[in-house]
Amino acid sequence: MKTLFYAMTGEKSCLLHVLMNAVDLAEKGNEVKVIFEGRSVLLPSQLDKENNPHYVKARDKGLLAGICLACSKTLGVLEDNQALGLPMLSDMFGHAPMEPYMAQGYQVISM
């Protein structure tokens, strides 16, 4: 199974559930990616600074596909997000597209 979590909300508890599910699925042999879009772009640098175990595990497993460039700019966290070393995604009008993952057979879950 292939799953793309397209995180949109800026609620920390929601994003942590995305990360927990992503790690759980990956550890059970599934292909999983997480994209930070919308207000969720506010959280990666915060979770990194906190050394949040769910974020760290997802990052270390290579599950974090990237962060929306346009939303990072708009919400004032571009430099913080760039410092994380994750790809800044902008292939769809400056935002992170779902289509390339859908073309590869990923099921998209947006939360």
C-alpha atoms as a PDB file:
ATOM      1  CA  MET A   1       0.000   0.000   0.000  1.00  0.00           C
ATOM      2  CA  LYS A   2       1.174   3.541  -0.783  1.00  0.00           C
ATOM      3  CA  THR A   3      -0.117   6.458   1.281  1.00  0.00           C
ATOM      4  CA  LEU A   4       0.521  10.186   1.044  1.00  0.00           C
ATOM      5  CA  PHE A   5      -0.479  12.215   4.078  1.00  0.00           C
ATOM      6  CA  TYR A   6      -1.157  15.753   2.863  1.00  0.00           C
ATOM      7  CA  ALA A   7      -1.085  17.634   6.164  1.00  0.00           C
ATOM      8  CA  MET A   8      -3.045  20.903   6.039  1.00  0.00           C
ATOM      9  CA  THR A   9      -4.061  21.942   9.529  1.00  0.00           C
ATOM     10  CA  GLY A  10      -1.877  23.883  11.924  1.00  0.00           C
ATOM     11  CA  GLU A  11      -3.159  21.948  14.927  1.00  0.00           C
ATOM     12  CA  LYS A  12      -0.237  20.192  16.576  1.00  0.00           C
ATOM     13  CA  SER A  13      -2.328  17.271  17.852  1.00  0.00           C
ATOM     14  CA  CYS A  14      -3.658  16.596  14.353  1.00  0.00           C
ATOM     15  CA  LEU A  15      -0.187  16.678  12.822  1.00  0.00           C
ATOM     16  CA  LEU A  16       1.161  14.355  15.501  1.00  0.00           C
ATOM     17  CA  HIS A  17      -1.536  11.845  14.563  1.00  0.00           C
ATOM     18  CA  VAL A  18      -0.482  12.159  10.918  1.00  0.00           C
ATOM     19  CA  LEU A  19       3.111  11.413  11.908  1.00  0.00           C
ATOM     20  CA  MET A  20       2.153   8.512  14.185  1.00  0.00           C
ATOM     21  CA  ASN A  21       0.052   6.921  11.442  1.00  0.00           C
ATOM     22  CA  ALA A  22       2.780   7.490   8.855  1.00  0.00           C
ATOM     23  CA  VAL A  23       5.393   5.767  11.019  1.00  0.00           C
ATOM     24  CA  ASP A  24       3.007   2.944  11.923  1.00  0.00           C
ATOM     25  CA  LEU A  25       2.185   2.242   8.272  1.00  0.00           C
ATOM     26  CA  ALA A  26       5.843   2.436   7.243  1.00  0.00           C
ATOM     27  CA  GLU A  27       6.905   0.052   9.995  1.00  0.00           C
ATOM     28  CA  LYS A  28       4.317  -2.413   8.689  1.00  0.00           C
ATOM     29  CA  GLY A  29       5.938  -2.388   5.243  1.00  0.00           C
ATOM     30  CA  ASN A  30       3.930   0.279   3.446  1.00  0.00           C
ATOM     31  CA  GLU A  31       5.288   3.141   1.352  1.00  0.00           C
ATOM     32  CA  VAL A  32       4.431   6.403   3.103  1.00  0.00           C
ATOM     33  CA  LYS A  33       5.150  10.078   2.507  1.00  0.00           C
ATOM     34  CA  VAL A  34       4.092  13.220   4.379  1.00  0.00           C
ATOM     35  CA  ILE A  35       3.763  16.663   2.800  1.00  0.00           C
ATOM     36  CA  PHE A  36       3.357  19.778   4.945  1.00  0.00           C
ATOM     37  CA  GLU A  37       0.884  22.162   3.242  1.00  0.00           C
ATOM     38  CA  GLY A  38      -1.351  24.981   4.435  1.00  0.00           C
ATOM     39  CA  ARG A  39      -1.003  25.900   8.102  1.00  0.00           C
ATOM     40  CA  SER A  40       0.852  22.683   8.895  1.00  0.00           C
ATOM     41  CA  VAL A  41       4.022  24.396   7.590  1.00  0.00           C
ATOM     42  CA  LEU A  42       4.108  26.265  10.904  1.00  0.00           C
ATOM     43  CA  LEU A  43       4.900  23.082  12.841  1.00  0.00           C
ATOM     44  CA  PRO A  44       7.974  21.251  11.457  1.00  0.00           C
ATOM     45  CA  SER A  45      10.555  23.650  12.896  1.00  0.00           C
ATOM     46  CA  GLN A  46       8.714  23.690  16.236  1.00  0.00           C
ATOM     47  CA  LEU A  47       8.646  19.883  16.376  1.00  0.00           C
ATOM     48  CA  ASP A  48      12.308  19.747  15.368  1.00  0.00           C
ATOM     49  CA  LYS A  49      13.296  22.178  18.149  1.00  0.00           C
ATOM     50  CA  GLU A  50      11.298  20.123  20.657  1.00  0.00           C
ATOM     51  CA  ASN A  51      12.988  16.967  19.360  1.00  0.00           C
ATOM     52  CA  ASN A  52       9.472  15.520  19.158  1.00  0.00           C
ATOM     53  CA  PRO A  53       9.819  11.730  18.945  1.00  0.00           C
ATOM     54  CA  HIS A  54       7.099  11.282  16.292  1.00  0.00           C
ATOM     55  CA  TYR A  55       8.602  13.973  14.057  1.00  0.00           C
ATOM     56  CA  VAL A  56      12.141  12.649  14.559  1.00  0.00           C
ATOM     57  CA  LYS A  57      11.108   9.079  13.767  1.00  0.00           C
ATOM     58  CA  ALA A  58       9.227  10.119  10.607  1.00  0.00           C
ATOM     59  CA  ARG A  59      12.170  12.285   9.518  1.00  0.00           C
ATOM     60  CA  ASP A  60      14.755   9.599  10.202  1.00  0.00           C
ATOM     61  CA  LYS A  61      12.713   7.019   8.278  1.00  0.00           C
ATOM     62  CA  GLY A  62      12.652   9.351   5.237  1.00  0.00           C
ATOM     63  CA  LEU A  63       8.873   9.787   5.326  1.00  0.00           C
ATOM     64  CA  LEU A  64       8.858  13.598   5.096  1.00  0.00           C
ATOM     65  CA  ALA A  65       8.544  14.416   1.393  1.00  0.00           C
ATOM     66  CA  GLY A  66       8.721  18.165   1.876  1.00  0.00           C
ATOM     67  CA  ILE A  67       7.169  21.464   2.828  1.00  0.00           C
ATOM     68  CA  CYS A  68       5.095  23.881   0.750  1.00  0.00           C
ATOM     69  CA  LEU A  69       7.227  26.816  -0.363  1.00  0.00           C
ATOM     70  CA  ALA A  70       4.348  29.270  -0.944  1.00  0.00           C
ATOM     71  CA  CYS A  71       2.698  28.604   2.409  1.00  0.00           C
ATOM     72  CA  SER A  72       6.039  28.860   4.193  1.00  0.00           C
ATOM     73  CA  LYS A  73       6.568  32.285   2.617  1.00  0.00           C
ATOM     74  CA  THR A  74       3.035  33.470   3.308  1.00  0.00           C
ATOM     75  CA  LEU A  75       3.083  32.328   6.937  1.00  0.00           C
ATOM     76  CA  GLY A  76       6.561  33.727   7.636  1.00  0.00           C
ATOM     77  CA  VAL A  77       8.393  30.461   8.302  1.00  0.00           C
ATOM     78  CA  LEU A  78      10.376  30.037   5.091  1.00  0.00           C
ATOM     79  CA  GLU A  79      13.829  30.413   6.658  1.00  0.00           C
ATOM     80  CA  ASP A  80      12.951  28.134   9.575  1.00  0.00           C
ATOM     81  CA  ASN A  81      11.673  25.457   7.198  1.00  0.00           C
ATOM     82  CA  GLN A  82      14.607  25.770   4.813  1.00  0.00           C
ATOM     83  CA  ALA A  83      16.960  25.227   7.769  1.00  0.00           C
ATOM     84  CA  LEU A  84      15.409  21.777   8.311  1.00  0.00           C
ATOM     85  CA  GLY A  85      16.900  20.504   5.046  1.00  0.00           C
ATOM     86  CA  LEU A  86      13.612  19.098   3.754  1.00  0.00           C
ATOM     87  CA  PRO A  87      12.630  19.758   0.133  1.00  0.00           C
ATOM     88  CA  MET A  88      10.681  22.961  -0.410  1.00  0.00           C
ATOM     89  CA  LEU A  89       7.865  21.962  -2.773  1.00  0.00           C
ATOM     90  CA  SER A  90       6.467  24.407  -5.321  1.00  0.00           C
ATOM     91  CA  ASP A  91       5.543  22.519  -8.511  1.00  0.00           C
ATOM     92  CA  MET A  92       1.845  23.511  -8.434  1.00  0.00           C
ATOM     93  CA  PHE A  93       1.468  27.288  -8.603  1.00  0.00           C
ATOM     94  CA  GLY A  94       4.105  27.574  -5.867  1.00  0.00           C
ATOM     95  CA  HIS A  95       2.458  24.863  -3.726  1.00  0.00           C
ATOM     96  CA  ALA A  96       3.044  21.152  -3.174  1.00  0.00           C
ATOM     97  CA  PRO A  97       1.168  18.980  -5.687  1.00  0.00           C
ATOM     98  CA  MET A  98      -0.612  15.691  -4.981  1.00  0.00           C
ATOM     99  CA  GLU A  99      -0.682  14.545  -8.607  1.00  0.00           C
ATOM    100  CA  PRO A 100       2.828  13.049  -8.851  1.00  0.00           C
ATOM    101  CA  TYR A 101       2.037  10.783  -5.921  1.00  0.00           C
ATOM    102  CA  MET A 102      -1.386   9.876  -7.283  1.00  0.00           C
ATOM    103  CA  ALA A 103       0.255   8.980 -10.611  1.00  0.00           C
ATOM    104  CA  GLN A 104       2.484   6.557  -8.666  1.00  0.00           C
ATOM    105  CA  GLY A 105      -0.523   4.901  -7.040  1.00  0.00           C
ATOM    106  CA  TYR A 106      -0.474   6.665  -3.673  1.00  0.00           C
ATOM    107  CA  GLN A 107      -3.730   7.000  -1.756  1.00  0.00           C
ATOM    108  CA  VAL A 108      -3.986  10.617  -0.562  1.00  0.00           C
ATOM    109  CA  ILE A 109      -5.202  11.375   2.934  1.00  0.00           C
ATOM    110  CA  SER A 110      -5.565  15.051   3.776  1.00  0.00           C
ATOM    111  CA  MET A 111      -5.856  16.052   7.397  1.00  0.00           C
END
